[in-house]
């Protein structure tokens, strides 16, 4: 499993409606990231990419996606410094791919 909803289950007291709403919010955020991140990369707006990676890191952490959160943390730090630019595209693609897989997983569960 890519996601782990234990945090959400604990935080919500097991409220299925709340968890479904959080999954829907996550889906909307992923759609936003999918549209914006490649554009920021293409336009070499690395500082903005770093900020968006930071925001995305919080989103995936809530869904219990700790490995993806670590990937985004690395992207955030690299983009903030403008280092290893050649790695950003693959990191963004990995984040988006894992997020899509998690959404399928979450929709099957809730």
Protein backbone atom coordinates (compact mmCIF):
# COMPACT_ATOMS: atom_id res chain seq x y z
CA UNK A 1 0.00 0.00 0.00
CA UNK A 2 1.20 3.45 -0.90
CA UNK A 3 -1.07 5.26 1.54
CA UNK A 4 -1.73 4.72 5.23
CA UNK A 5 -4.81 6.39 6.64
CA UNK A 6 -4.07 5.67 10.31
CA UNK A 7 -3.36 9.36 10.98
CA UNK A 8 -6.65 10.43 9.38
CA UNK A 9 -8.57 7.68 11.15
CA UNK A 10 -7.13 8.71 14.51
CA UNK A 11 -7.59 12.42 13.90
CA UNK A 12 -11.21 11.99 12.76
CA UNK A 13 -12.20 9.35 15.27
CA UNK A 14 -12.85 7.00 12.37
CA UNK A 15 -15.35 9.35 10.70
CA UNK A 16 -15.72 7.85 7.21
CA UNK A 17 -17.40 10.96 5.82
CA UNK A 18 -14.50 13.16 6.93
CA UNK A 19 -11.96 10.72 5.49
CA UNK A 20 -13.80 10.68 2.14
CA UNK A 21 -13.80 14.50 2.13
CA UNK A 22 -10.05 14.54 2.78
CA UNK A 23 -9.49 12.07 -0.06
CA UNK A 24 -11.53 14.30 -2.37
CA UNK A 25 -9.50 17.33 -1.30
CA UNK A 26 -6.32 15.34 -1.94
CA UNK A 27 -7.56 14.43 -5.43
CA UNK A 28 -8.21 18.11 -6.19
CA UNK A 29 -4.77 19.08 -4.92
CA UNK A 30 -3.07 16.43 -7.05
CA UNK A 31 -4.88 17.76 -10.12
CA UNK A 32 -3.57 21.24 -9.24
CA UNK A 33 -0.01 19.99 -8.76
CA UNK A 34 -0.18 18.04 -12.02
CA UNK A 35 -1.05 21.24 -13.87
CA UNK A 36 1.32 23.63 -12.10
CA UNK A 37 4.53 21.74 -11.33
CA UNK A 38 5.56 20.98 -14.93
CA UNK A 39 4.83 24.59 -15.87
CA UNK A 40 7.02 25.91 -13.05
CA UNK A 41 9.79 23.55 -14.10
CA UNK A 42 9.52 24.56 -17.75
CA UNK A 43 9.64 28.25 -16.81
CA UNK A 44 12.58 27.67 -14.44
CA UNK A 45 10.64 29.07 -11.49
CA UNK A 46 12.53 26.90 -9.03
CA UNK A 47 11.69 28.95 -5.93
CA UNK A 48 7.97 28.61 -6.69
CA UNK A 49 8.49 24.90 -7.39
CA UNK A 50 10.16 24.56 -3.99
CA UNK A 51 7.19 26.22 -2.28
CA UNK A 52 4.72 24.01 -4.11
CA UNK A 53 6.74 20.89 -3.21
CA UNK A 54 6.53 22.00 0.43
CA UNK A 55 2.75 22.34 0.17
CA UNK A 56 2.43 18.98 -1.60
CA UNK A 57 4.59 17.35 1.07
CA UNK A 58 1.94 18.20 3.66
CA UNK A 59 -0.81 16.77 1.47
CA UNK A 60 0.87 13.41 0.98
CA UNK A 61 1.94 13.23 4.64
CA UNK A 62 -1.72 13.44 5.72
CA UNK A 63 -2.42 10.46 3.45
CA UNK A 64 0.38 8.52 5.13
CA UNK A 65 2.61 8.54 2.05
CA UNK A 66 5.89 8.90 3.93
CA UNK A 67 8.22 7.89 1.08
CA UNK A 68 6.61 10.39 -1.27
CA UNK A 69 6.80 13.05 1.46
CA UNK A 70 10.55 12.42 1.69
CA UNK A 71 10.87 12.74 -2.09
CA UNK A 72 9.05 16.07 -2.00
CA UNK A 73 11.21 17.26 0.88
CA UNK A 74 14.27 16.55 -1.25
CA UNK A 75 12.72 18.35 -4.24
CA UNK A 76 11.84 21.30 -2.02
CA UNK A 77 15.43 21.63 -0.76
CA UNK A 78 17.03 21.14 -4.17
CA UNK A 79 14.70 23.57 -5.94
CA UNK A 80 15.11 26.19 -3.23
CA UNK A 81 18.86 26.15 -3.85
CA UNK A 82 18.54 25.61 -7.61
CA UNK A 83 20.72 22.50 -7.35
CA UNK A 84 20.56 19.32 -9.48
CA UNK A 85 17.93 20.81 -11.82
CA UNK A 86 18.21 17.76 -14.09
CA UNK A 87 16.56 15.63 -11.35
CA UNK A 88 13.42 17.74 -10.88
CA UNK A 89 11.42 16.31 -13.76
CA UNK A 90 11.85 12.70 -12.66
CA UNK A 91 11.06 13.65 -9.05
CA UNK A 92 7.87 15.44 -10.12
CA UNK A 93 6.87 12.49 -12.30
CA UNK A 94 7.48 10.03 -9.45
CA UNK A 95 5.40 12.16 -7.07
CA UNK A 96 2.51 12.42 -9.53
CA UNK A 97 2.64 8.72 -10.43
CA UNK A 98 2.67 7.59 -6.80
CA UNK A 99 -0.14 10.02 -5.99
CA UNK A 100 -2.32 8.65 -8.80
CA UNK A 101 -1.70 5.10 -7.58
CA UNK A 102 -2.59 6.17 -4.05
CA UNK A 103 -5.83 7.74 -5.27
CA UNK A 104 -6.85 4.47 -6.92
CA UNK A 105 -5.99 2.66 -3.71
CA UNK A 106 -7.93 5.16 -1.58
CA UNK A 107 -10.99 5.10 -3.82
CA UNK A 108 -11.07 1.31 -3.57
CA UNK A 109 -10.97 1.60 0.23
CA UNK A 110 -13.41 4.48 0.74
